[in-house]
Amino acid sequence: MPVISRFLGIIIVMYWDDHAPPHFHAKYSEYEITVNILTGVVEGKFPKRALHHVLEWYELHQEELIENWELCQKDEAPKAIKPLE
């Protein structure tokens, strides 16, 4: 479970050989969501403020997330992505 970013108590991860469509997981306390990298569609439950932060970060780093997805699909380590500031 490679952690690619951490900010404001939120942990962003991608899994090697995860199922399509391209997505990442965000964890915050006992909550977890998946975010589709191509569409931004969110599955799961998250506190409203934390969700806003994840989606803001996603919009800033969508291209890097696609690159990381491709690396994970090749069993290569994804690159760290700058946290939300």
PDB file of N, CA and C in Angstrom:
ATOM      1  N   MET A   1       0.847  -1.176   0.000  1.00  0.00           N
ATOM      2  CA  MET A   1       0.000   0.000   0.000  1.00  0.00           C
ATOM      3  C   MET A   1       0.892   1.238   0.000  1.00  0.00           C
ATOM      4  N   PRO A   2       1.310   1.682  -1.143  1.00  0.00           N
ATOM      5  CA  PRO A   2       2.160   2.869  -1.201  1.00  0.00           C
ATOM      6  C   PRO A   2       1.407   4.158  -0.852  1.00  0.00           C
ATOM      7  N   VAL A   3       1.920   4.849   0.135  1.00  0.00           N
ATOM      8  CA  VAL A   3       1.375   6.155   0.499  1.00  0.00           C
ATOM      9  C   VAL A   3       1.989   7.167  -0.449  1.00  0.00           C
ATOM     10  N   ILE A   4       1.158   7.920  -1.157  1.00  0.00           N
ATOM     11  CA  ILE A   4       1.691   8.892  -2.105  1.00  0.00           C
ATOM     12  C   ILE A   4       1.591  10.325  -1.595  1.00  0.00           C
ATOM     13  N   SER A   5       0.754  10.561  -0.574  1.00  0.00           N
ATOM     14  CA  SER A   5       0.672  11.902   0.002  1.00  0.00           C
ATOM     15  C   SER A   5      -0.015  11.839   1.364  1.00  0.00           C
ATOM     16  N   ARG A   6       0.308  12.829   2.191  1.00  0.00           N
ATOM     17  CA  ARG A   6      -0.323  12.986   3.511  1.00  0.00           C
ATOM     18  C   ARG A   6      -0.520  14.477   3.752  1.00  0.00           C
ATOM     19  N   PHE A   7      -1.704  14.836   4.201  1.00  0.00           N
ATOM     20  CA  PHE A   7      -1.966  16.229   4.560  1.00  0.00           C
ATOM     21  C   PHE A   7      -3.217  16.305   5.424  1.00  0.00           C
ATOM     22  N   LEU A   8      -3.167  17.177   6.415  1.00  0.00           N
ATOM     23  CA  LEU A   8      -4.323  17.473   7.271  1.00  0.00           C
ATOM     24  C   LEU A   8      -4.968  16.212   7.858  1.00  0.00           C
ATOM     25  N   GLY A   9      -4.150  15.221   8.189  1.00  0.00           N
ATOM     26  CA  GLY A   9      -4.672  13.974   8.750  1.00  0.00           C
ATOM     27  C   GLY A   9      -5.209  13.000   7.717  1.00  0.00           C
ATOM     28  N   ILE A  10      -5.091  13.341   6.443  1.00  0.00           N
ATOM     29  CA  ILE A  10      -5.584  12.501   5.341  1.00  0.00           C
ATOM     30  C   ILE A  10      -4.397  11.762   4.737  1.00  0.00           C
ATOM     31  N   ILE A  11      -4.594  10.489   4.464  1.00  0.00           N
ATOM     32  CA  ILE A  11      -3.562   9.667   3.832  1.00  0.00           C
ATOM     33  C   ILE A  11      -4.078   9.232   2.464  1.00  0.00           C
ATOM     34  N   ILE A  12      -3.269   9.473   1.428  1.00  0.00           N
ATOM     35  CA  ILE A  12      -3.622   9.095   0.061  1.00  0.00           C
ATOM     36  C   ILE A  12      -2.760   7.906  -0.338  1.00  0.00           C
ATOM     37  N   VAL A  13      -3.395   6.827  -0.806  1.00  0.00           N
ATOM     38  CA  VAL A  13      -2.663   5.614  -1.179  1.00  0.00           C
ATOM     39  C   VAL A  13      -3.144   5.087  -2.530  1.00  0.00           C
ATOM     40  N   MET A  14      -2.268   4.303  -3.150  1.00  0.00           N
ATOM     41  CA  MET A  14      -2.609   3.514  -4.338  1.00  0.00           C
ATOM     42  C   MET A  14      -2.093   2.114  -4.087  1.00  0.00           C
ATOM     43  N   TYR A  15      -2.775   1.134  -4.646  1.00  0.00           N
ATOM     44  CA  TYR A  15      -2.371  -0.262  -4.489  1.00  0.00           C
ATOM     45  C   TYR A  15      -1.830  -0.785  -5.813  1.00  0.00           C
ATOM     46  N   TRP A  16      -0.774  -1.630  -5.724  1.00  0.00           N
ATOM     47  CA  TRP A  16      -0.272  -2.275  -6.929  1.00  0.00           C
ATOM     48  C   TRP A  16      -1.329  -3.235  -7.447  1.00  0.00           C
ATOM     49  N   ASP A  17      -1.448  -3.299  -8.758  1.00  0.00           N
ATOM     50  CA  ASP A  17      -2.383  -4.217  -9.425  1.00  0.00           C
ATOM     51  C   ASP A  17      -3.824  -4.055  -8.947  1.00  0.00           C
ATOM     52  N   ASP A  18      -4.221  -2.832  -8.615  1.00  0.00           N
ATOM     53  CA  ASP A  18      -5.610  -2.573  -8.226  1.00  0.00           C
ATOM     54  C   ASP A  18      -6.493  -2.639  -9.470  1.00  0.00           C
ATOM     55  N   HIS A  19      -7.764  -2.842  -9.280  1.00  0.00           N
ATOM     56  CA  HIS A  19      -8.727  -2.985 -10.370  1.00  0.00           C
ATOM     57  C   HIS A  19      -8.975  -1.650 -11.068  1.00  0.00           C
ATOM     58  N   ALA A  20      -9.394  -1.729 -12.333  1.00  0.00           N
ATOM     59  CA  ALA A  20      -9.811  -0.537 -13.082  1.00  0.00           C
ATOM     60  C   ALA A  20     -11.171  -0.103 -12.553  1.00  0.00           C
ATOM     61  N   PRO A  21     -11.581   1.112 -12.737  1.00  0.00           N
ATOM     62  CA  PRO A  21     -10.910   2.218 -13.415  1.00  0.00           C
ATOM     63  C   PRO A  21      -9.822   2.818 -12.534  1.00  0.00           C
ATOM     64  N   PRO A  22      -8.938   3.650 -13.132  1.00  0.00           N
ATOM     65  CA  PRO A  22      -7.880   4.288 -12.356  1.00  0.00           C
ATOM     66  C   PRO A  22      -8.452   5.084 -11.184  1.00  0.00           C
ATOM     67  N   HIS A  23      -7.924   4.842  -9.986  1.00  0.00           N
ATOM     68  CA  HIS A  23      -8.453   5.519  -8.801  1.00  0.00           C
ATOM     69  C   HIS A  23      -7.393   5.536  -7.702  1.00  0.00           C
ATOM     70  N   PHE A  24      -7.661   6.305  -6.669  1.00  0.00           N
ATOM     71  CA  PHE A  24      -6.817   6.298  -5.478  1.00  0.00           C
ATOM     72  C   PHE A  24      -7.723   6.196  -4.263  1.00  0.00           C
ATOM     73  N   HIS A  25      -7.134   5.827  -3.155  1.00  0.00           N
ATOM     74  CA  HIS A  25      -7.852   5.704  -1.895  1.00  0.00           C
ATOM     75  C   HIS A  25      -7.429   6.836  -0.979  1.00  0.00           C
ATOM     76  N   ALA A  26      -8.379   7.395  -0.256  1.00  0.00           N
ATOM     77  CA  ALA A  26      -8.088   8.413   0.755  1.00  0.00           C
ATOM     78  C   ALA A  26      -8.636   7.903   2.082  1.00  0.00           C
ATOM     79  N   LYS A  27      -7.817   8.032   3.128  1.00  0.00           N
ATOM     80  CA  LYS A  27      -8.219   7.579   4.462  1.00  0.00           C
ATOM     81  C   LYS A  27      -8.126   8.748   5.426  1.00  0.00           C
ATOM     82  N   TYR A  28      -9.113   8.823   6.295  1.00  0.00           N
ATOM     83  CA  TYR A  28      -9.155   9.863   7.317  1.00  0.00           C
ATOM     84  C   TYR A  28      -9.860   9.272   8.529  1.00  0.00           C
ATOM     85  N   SER A  29      -9.119   9.049   9.605  1.00  0.00           N
ATOM     86  CA  SER A  29      -9.662   8.410  10.796  1.00  0.00           C
ATOM     87  C   SER A  29     -10.261   7.067  10.395  1.00  0.00           C
ATOM     88  N   GLU A  30     -11.523   6.832  10.708  1.00  0.00           N
ATOM     89  CA  GLU A  30     -12.139   5.549  10.355  1.00  0.00           C
ATOM     90  C   GLU A  30     -12.801   5.569   8.980  1.00  0.00           C
ATOM     91  N   TYR A  31     -12.699   6.679   8.264  1.00  0.00           N
ATOM     92  CA  TYR A  31     -13.347   6.831   6.956  1.00  0.00           C
ATOM     93  C   TYR A  31     -12.392   6.468   5.825  1.00  0.00           C
ATOM     94  N   GLU A  32     -12.974   5.974   4.724  1.00  0.00           N
ATOM     95  CA  GLU A  32     -12.185   5.711   3.519  1.00  0.00           C
ATOM     96  C   GLU A  32     -13.054   5.924   2.291  1.00  0.00           C
ATOM     97  N   ILE A  33     -12.440   6.564   1.288  1.00  0.00           N
ATOM     98  CA  ILE A  33     -13.116   6.748   0.006  1.00  0.00           C
ATOM     99  C   ILE A  33     -12.180   6.330  -1.111  1.00  0.00           C
ATOM    100  N   THR A  34     -12.762   6.087  -2.280  1.00  0.00           N
ATOM    101  CA  THR A  34     -11.983   5.950  -3.505  1.00  0.00           C
ATOM    102  C   THR A  34     -12.422   7.076  -4.425  1.00  0.00           C
ATOM    103  N   VAL A  35     -11.465   7.605  -5.179  1.00  0.00           N
ATOM    104  CA  VAL A  35     -11.757   8.685  -6.123  1.00  0.00           C
ATOM    105  C   VAL A  35     -11.282   8.243  -7.497  1.00  0.00           C
ATOM    106  N   ASN A  36     -12.199   8.235  -8.459  1.00  0.00           N
ATOM    107  CA  ASN A  36     -11.867   7.891  -9.835  1.00  0.00           C
ATOM    108  C   ASN A  36     -11.005   9.017 -10.398  1.00  0.00           C
ATOM    109  N   ILE A  37      -9.817   8.684 -10.877  1.00  0.00           N
ATOM    110  CA  ILE A  37      -8.887   9.703 -11.357  1.00  0.00           C
ATOM    111  C   ILE A  37      -9.381  10.361 -12.643  1.00  0.00           C
ATOM    112  N   LEU A  38     -10.090   9.630 -13.466  1.00  0.00           N
ATOM    113  CA  LEU A  38     -10.542  10.181 -14.745  1.00  0.00           C
ATOM    114  C   LEU A  38     -11.789  11.044 -14.616  1.00  0.00           C
ATOM    115  N   THR A  39     -12.672  10.709 -13.671  1.00  0.00           N
ATOM    116  CA  THR A  39     -13.958  11.415 -13.583  1.00  0.00           C
ATOM    117  C   THR A  39     -14.149  12.221 -12.303  1.00  0.00           C
ATOM    118  N   GLY A  40     -13.389  11.901 -11.264  1.00  0.00           N
ATOM    119  CA  GLY A  40     -13.574  12.569  -9.979  1.00  0.00           C
ATOM    120  C   GLY A  40     -14.716  12.002  -9.156  1.00  0.00           C
ATOM    121  N   VAL A  41     -15.339  10.931  -9.622  1.00  0.00           N
ATOM    122  CA  VAL A  41     -16.445  10.315  -8.889  1.00  0.00           C
ATOM    123  C   VAL A  41     -15.902   9.680  -7.607  1.00  0.00           C
ATOM    124  N   VAL A  42     -16.598   9.955  -6.503  1.00  0.00           N
ATOM    125  CA  VAL A  42     -16.189   9.483  -5.183  1.00  0.00           C
ATOM    126  C   VAL A  42     -17.107   8.363  -4.720  1.00  0.00           C
ATOM    127  N   GLU A  43     -16.505   7.310  -4.173  1.00  0.00           N
ATOM    128  CA  GLU A  43     -17.275   6.235  -3.561  1.00  0.00           C
ATOM    129  C   GLU A  43     -16.849   6.120  -2.105  1.00  0.00           C
ATOM    130  N   GLY A  44     -17.811   5.986  -1.218  1.00  0.00           N
ATOM    131  CA  GLY A  44     -17.535   5.871   0.203  1.00  0.00           C
ATOM    132  C   GLY A  44     -17.989   7.108   0.951  1.00  0.00           C
ATOM    133  N   LYS A  45     -17.699   7.145   2.250  1.00  0.00           N
ATOM    134  CA  LYS A  45     -18.125   8.259   3.104  1.00  0.00           C
ATOM    135  C   LYS A  45     -16.907   8.919   3.727  1.00  0.00           C
ATOM    136  N   PHE A  46     -16.985  10.240   3.826  1.00  0.00           N
ATOM    137  CA  PHE A  46     -15.902  11.062   4.343  1.00  0.00           C
ATOM    138  C   PHE A  46     -16.525  12.303   4.953  1.00  0.00           C
ATOM    139  N   PRO A  47     -15.942  12.871   5.989  1.00  0.00           N
ATOM    140  CA  PRO A  47     -16.452  14.144   6.499  1.00  0.00           C
ATOM    141  C   PRO A  47     -16.363  15.217   5.405  1.00  0.00           C
ATOM    142  N   LYS A  48     -17.329  16.107   5.379  1.00  0.00           N
ATOM    143  CA  LYS A  48     -17.439  17.103   4.308  1.00  0.00           C
ATOM    144  C   LYS A  48     -16.161  17.922   4.114  1.00  0.00           C
ATOM    145  N   ARG A  49     -15.589  18.427   5.195  1.00  0.00           N
ATOM    146  CA  ARG A  49     -14.392  19.265   5.087  1.00  0.00           C
ATOM    147  C   ARG A  49     -13.209  18.464   4.530  1.00  0.00           C
ATOM    148  N   ALA A  50     -13.017  17.244   5.018  1.00  0.00           N
ATOM    149  CA  ALA A  50     -11.923  16.399   4.533  1.00  0.00           C
ATOM    150  C   ALA A  50     -12.131  16.043   3.060  1.00  0.00           C
ATOM    151  N   LEU A  51     -13.367  15.780   2.666  1.00  0.00           N
ATOM    152  CA  LEU A  51     -13.678  15.489   1.265  1.00  0.00           C
ATOM    153  C   LEU A  51     -13.317  16.678   0.388  1.00  0.00           C
ATOM    154  N   HIS A  52     -13.652  17.868   0.827  1.00  0.00           N
ATOM    155  CA  HIS A  52     -13.323  19.080   0.067  1.00  0.00           C
ATOM    156  C   HIS A  52     -11.809  19.161  -0.147  1.00  0.00           C
ATOM    157  N   HIS A  53     -11.019  18.875   0.889  1.00  0.00           N
ATOM    158  CA  HIS A  53      -9.558  18.924   0.778  1.00  0.00           C
ATOM    159  C   HIS A  53      -9.046  17.885  -0.218  1.00  0.00           C
ATOM    160  N   VAL A  54      -9.586  16.676  -0.156  1.00  0.00           N
ATOM    161  CA  VAL A  54      -9.155  15.620  -1.077  1.00  0.00           C
ATOM    162  C   VAL A  54      -9.463  16.012  -2.520  1.00  0.00           C
ATOM    163  N   LEU A  55     -10.650  16.531  -2.763  1.00  0.00           N
ATOM    164  CA  LEU A  55     -11.020  16.893  -4.130  1.00  0.00           C
ATOM    165  C   LEU A  55     -10.214  18.085  -4.639  1.00  0.00           C
ATOM    166  N   GLU A  56      -9.888  19.020  -3.771  1.00  0.00           N
ATOM    167  CA  GLU A  56      -9.036  20.140  -4.165  1.00  0.00           C
ATOM    168  C   GLU A  56      -7.645  19.617  -4.553  1.00  0.00           C
ATOM    169  N   TRP A  57      -7.091  18.728  -3.730  1.00  0.00           N
ATOM    170  CA  TRP A  57      -5.789  18.128  -4.007  1.00  0.00           C
ATOM    171  C   TRP A  57      -5.830  17.336  -5.313  1.00  0.00           C
ATOM    172  N   TYR A  58      -6.893  16.566  -5.509  1.00  0.00           N
ATOM    173  CA  TYR A  58      -7.062  15.762  -6.730  1.00  0.00           C
ATOM    174  C   TYR A  58      -7.026  16.649  -7.972  1.00  0.00           C
ATOM    175  N   GLU A  59      -7.729  17.767  -7.951  1.00  0.00           N
ATOM    176  CA  GLU A  59      -7.757  18.653  -9.116  1.00  0.00           C
ATOM    177  C   GLU A  59      -6.384  19.227  -9.426  1.00  0.00           C
ATOM    178  N   LEU A  60      -5.595  19.479  -8.392  1.00  0.00           N
ATOM    179  CA  LEU A  60      -4.248  20.023  -8.593  1.00  0.00           C
ATOM    180  C   LEU A  60      -3.265  18.990  -9.144  1.00  0.00           C
ATOM    181  N   HIS A  61      -3.531  17.714  -8.897  1.00  0.00           N
ATOM    182  CA  HIS A  61      -2.538  16.678  -9.187  1.00  0.00           C
ATOM    183  C   HIS A  61      -3.058  15.546 -10.069  1.00  0.00           C
ATOM    184  N   GLN A  62      -4.070  15.786 -10.863  1.00  0.00           N
ATOM    185  CA  GLN A  62      -4.681  14.721 -11.659  1.00  0.00           C
ATOM    186  C   GLN A  62      -3.679  14.057 -12.613  1.00  0.00           C
ATOM    187  N   GLU A  63      -2.847  14.837 -13.276  1.00  0.00           N
ATOM    188  CA  GLU A  63      -1.877  14.247 -14.209  1.00  0.00           C
ATOM    189  C   GLU A  63      -0.872  13.359 -13.481  1.00  0.00           C
ATOM    190  N   GLU A  64      -0.395  13.809 -12.322  1.00  0.00           N
ATOM    191  CA  GLU A  64       0.543  13.006 -11.537  1.00  0.00           C
ATOM    192  C   GLU A  64      -0.120  11.718 -11.053  1.00  0.00           C
ATOM    193  N   LEU A  65      -1.400  11.793 -10.732  1.00  0.00           N
ATOM    194  CA  LEU A  65      -2.128  10.603 -10.288  1.00  0.00           C
ATOM    195  C   LEU A  65      -2.241   9.585 -11.414  1.00  0.00           C
ATOM    196  N   ILE A  66      -2.482  10.051 -12.632  1.00  0.00           N
ATOM    197  CA  ILE A  66      -2.550   9.142 -13.780  1.00  0.00           C
ATOM    198  C   ILE A  66      -1.196   8.466 -13.978  1.00  0.00           C
ATOM    199  N   GLU A  67      -0.111   9.240 -13.885  1.00  0.00           N
ATOM    200  CA  GLU A  67       1.233   8.663 -14.014  1.00  0.00           C
ATOM    201  C   GLU A  67       1.477   7.622 -12.924  1.00  0.00           C
ATOM    202  N   ASN A  68       1.073   7.922 -11.697  1.00  0.00           N
ATOM    203  CA  ASN A  68       1.257   6.964 -10.611  1.00  0.00           C
ATOM    204  C   ASN A  68       0.428   5.708 -10.822  1.00  0.00           C
ATOM    205  N   TRP A  69      -0.797   5.863 -11.333  1.00  0.00           N
ATOM    206  CA  TRP A  69      -1.627   4.697 -11.617  1.00  0.00           C
ATOM    207  C   TRP A  69      -0.896   3.771 -12.596  1.00  0.00           C
ATOM    208  N   GLU A  70      -0.328   4.368 -13.644  1.00  0.00           N
ATOM    209  CA  GLU A  70       0.385   3.569 -14.642  1.00  0.00           C
ATOM    210  C   GLU A  70       1.603   2.872 -14.023  1.00  0.00           C
ATOM    211  N   LEU A  71       2.318   3.541 -13.139  1.00  0.00           N
ATOM    212  CA  LEU A  71       3.447   2.916 -12.453  1.00  0.00           C
ATOM    213  C   LEU A  71       2.985   1.732 -11.609  1.00  0.00           C
ATOM    214  N   CYS A  72       1.910   1.916 -10.865  1.00  0.00           N
ATOM    215  CA  CYS A  72       1.394   0.829 -10.016  1.00  0.00           C
ATOM    216  C   CYS A  72       0.972  -0.374 -10.854  1.00  0.00           C
ATOM    217  N   GLN A  73       0.399  -0.126 -12.018  1.00  0.00           N
ATOM    218  CA  GLN A  73      -0.031  -1.222 -12.874  1.00  0.00           C
ATOM    219  C   GLN A  73       1.155  -2.033 -13.391  1.00  0.00           C
ATOM    220  N   LYS A  74       2.342  -1.422 -13.385  1.00  0.00           N
ATOM    221  CA  LYS A  74       3.567  -2.112 -13.800  1.00  0.00           C
ATOM    222  C   LYS A  74       4.339  -2.655 -12.593  1.00  0.00           C
ATOM    223  N   ASP A  75       3.697  -2.652 -11.428  1.00  0.00           N
ATOM    224  CA  ASP A  75       4.345  -3.079 -10.175  1.00  0.00           C
ATOM    225  C   ASP A  75       5.552  -2.223  -9.817  1.00  0.00           C
ATOM    226  N   GLU A  76       5.512  -0.953 -10.226  1.00  0.00           N
ATOM    227  CA  GLU A  76       6.574  -0.017  -9.885  1.00  0.00           C
ATOM    228  C   GLU A  76       6.070   0.925  -8.792  1.00  0.00           C
ATOM    229  N   ALA A  77       6.997   1.435  -8.001  1.00  0.00           N
ATOM    230  CA  ALA A  77       6.621   2.325  -6.913  1.00  0.00           C
ATOM    231  C   ALA A  77       6.137   3.664  -7.450  1.00  0.00           C
ATOM    232  N   PRO A  78       4.984   4.135  -6.973  1.00  0.00           N
ATOM    233  CA  PRO A  78       4.504   5.440  -7.401  1.00  0.00           C
ATOM    234  C   PRO A  78       5.353   6.541  -6.759  1.00  0.00           C
ATOM    235  N   LYS A  79       5.312   7.713  -7.351  1.00  0.00           N
ATOM    236  CA  LYS A  79       6.072   8.855  -6.848  1.00  0.00           C
ATOM    237  C   LYS A  79       5.244   9.614  -5.813  1.00  0.00           C
ATOM    238  N   ALA A  80       5.929  10.178  -4.845  1.00  0.00           N
ATOM    239  CA  ALA A  80       5.241  11.018  -3.860  1.00  0.00           C
ATOM    240  C   ALA A  80       4.676  12.250  -4.566  1.00  0.00           C
ATOM    241  N   ILE A  81       3.515  12.696  -4.092  1.00  0.00           N
ATOM    242  CA  ILE A  81       2.868  13.887  -4.640  1.00  0.00           C
ATOM    243  C   ILE A  81       2.764  14.910  -3.518  1.00  0.00           C
ATOM    244  N   LYS A  82       3.061  16.134  -3.857  1.00  0.00           N
ATOM    245  CA  LYS A  82       3.052  17.232  -2.891  1.00  0.00           C
ATOM    246  C   LYS A  82       1.727  17.298  -2.138  1.00  0.00           C
ATOM    247  N   PRO A  83       1.773  17.491  -0.836  1.00  0.00           N
ATOM    248  CA  PRO A  83       0.528  17.598  -0.071  1.00  0.00           C
ATOM    249  C   PRO A  83      -0.191  18.914  -0.341  1.00  0.00           C
ATOM    250  N   LEU A  84      -1.434  18.968   0.049  1.00  0.00           N
ATOM    251  CA  LEU A  84      -2.215  20.194  -0.053  1.00  0.00           C
ATOM    252  C   LEU A  84      -1.673  21.179   0.974  1.00  0.00           C
ATOM    253  N   GLU A  85      -1.450  22.401   0.549  1.00  0.00           N
ATOM    254  CA  GLU A  85      -0.898  23.415   1.454  1.00  0.00           C
ATOM    255  C   GLU A  85      -1.942  24.437   1.813  1.00  0.00           C
TER     256      GLU A  85
END
